[in-house]
């Protein structure tokens, strides 16, 4: 359940390639995975300050997710 005090930041349709799957043919080459992220955060401070360091850097979040997923090799999409 989400807290109504929090704002939501969405990153939608982030395309990343990784090895995922249990079948041998799925483990040979990377597959395209589409990721949707919802972050629940309090954006009161950056909304008042207009200072980048007070908020979530969307680009940094995307880069971190891409780096983590691209180097991963999970069997189950649920684990990924």
Protein backbone atom coordinates (compact mmCIF):
# COMPACT_ATOMS: atom_id res chain seq x y z
CA UNK A 1 0.00 0.00 0.00
CA UNK A 2 1.29 3.46 -0.80
CA UNK A 3 1.26 6.50 1.42
CA UNK A 4 -0.83 9.38 0.04
CA UNK A 5 1.86 11.82 1.21
CA UNK A 6 4.26 10.55 -1.42
CA UNK A 7 4.48 11.60 -5.02
CA UNK A 8 5.11 9.11 -7.79
CA UNK A 9 7.90 9.15 -10.34
CA UNK A 10 7.47 6.82 -13.28
CA UNK A 11 10.10 5.41 -15.58
CA UNK A 12 8.23 3.61 -18.31
CA UNK A 13 9.24 1.23 -21.06
CA UNK A 14 12.93 1.08 -20.18
CA UNK A 15 14.39 -1.38 -22.71
CA UNK A 16 17.31 -3.47 -21.44
CA UNK A 17 18.91 -6.66 -22.70
CA UNK A 18 19.93 -9.52 -20.43
CA UNK A 19 20.12 -13.28 -20.08
CA UNK A 20 16.94 -14.56 -18.46
CA UNK A 21 15.12 -17.88 -18.72
CA UNK A 22 15.33 -21.53 -17.72
CA UNK A 23 15.49 -23.15 -21.15
CA UNK A 24 18.92 -23.70 -22.72
CA UNK A 25 18.03 -21.61 -25.78
CA UNK A 26 17.11 -18.67 -23.52
CA UNK A 27 20.55 -18.78 -21.90
CA UNK A 28 22.49 -18.35 -25.16
CA UNK A 29 21.85 -14.73 -26.05
CA UNK A 30 20.43 -11.66 -24.37
CA UNK A 31 16.72 -10.97 -24.60
CA UNK A 32 15.02 -7.60 -24.67
CA UNK A 33 13.29 -6.87 -21.37
CA UNK A 34 10.93 -3.91 -20.89
CA UNK A 35 10.93 -2.49 -17.36
CA UNK A 36 8.44 -0.11 -15.76
CA UNK A 37 9.35 1.52 -12.46
CA UNK A 38 7.22 3.47 -10.01
CA UNK A 39 9.05 5.30 -7.22
CA UNK A 40 7.08 6.68 -4.28
CA UNK A 41 8.96 9.69 -2.93
CA UNK A 42 8.34 12.89 -1.04
CA UNK A 43 9.03 15.69 -3.51
CA UNK A 44 8.10 18.54 -1.17
CA UNK A 45 11.67 19.77 -0.66
CA UNK A 46 12.72 19.85 -4.33
CA UNK A 47 9.36 21.37 -5.22
CA UNK A 48 10.16 24.28 -2.93
CA UNK A 49 13.93 24.57 -3.42
CA UNK A 50 14.19 23.98 -7.19
CA UNK A 51 17.60 22.39 -6.47
CA UNK A 52 18.56 19.26 -8.41
CA UNK A 53 20.44 17.67 -5.50
CA UNK A 54 17.21 17.72 -3.46
CA UNK A 55 15.37 15.40 -5.80
CA UNK A 56 15.65 12.06 -7.57
CA UNK A 57 17.95 12.08 -10.58
CA UNK A 58 15.94 10.07 -13.11
CA UNK A 59 18.97 9.59 -15.35
CA UNK A 60 21.02 8.12 -12.49
CA UNK A 61 18.21 5.72 -11.59
CA UNK A 62 17.88 4.59 -15.20
CA UNK A 63 21.64 4.12 -15.55
CA UNK A 64 21.82 2.08 -12.32
CA UNK A 65 18.94 -0.18 -13.40
CA UNK A 66 20.44 -0.69 -16.86
CA UNK A 67 23.88 -1.52 -15.41
CA UNK A 68 22.42 -4.00 -12.91
CA UNK A 69 20.13 -5.75 -15.40
CA UNK A 70 22.65 -5.95 -18.25
CA UNK A 71 25.21 -7.75 -16.08
CA UNK A 72 22.66 -10.10 -14.51
CA UNK A 73 21.79 -13.66 -15.52
CA UNK A 74 18.64 -14.79 -13.75
CA UNK A 75 16.54 -17.86 -14.40
CA UNK A 76 13.24 -16.22 -13.48
CA UNK A 77 11.90 -12.85 -14.61
CA UNK A 78 10.38 -12.54 -11.12
CA UNK A 79 13.87 -12.62 -9.62
CA UNK A 80 15.16 -10.10 -12.11
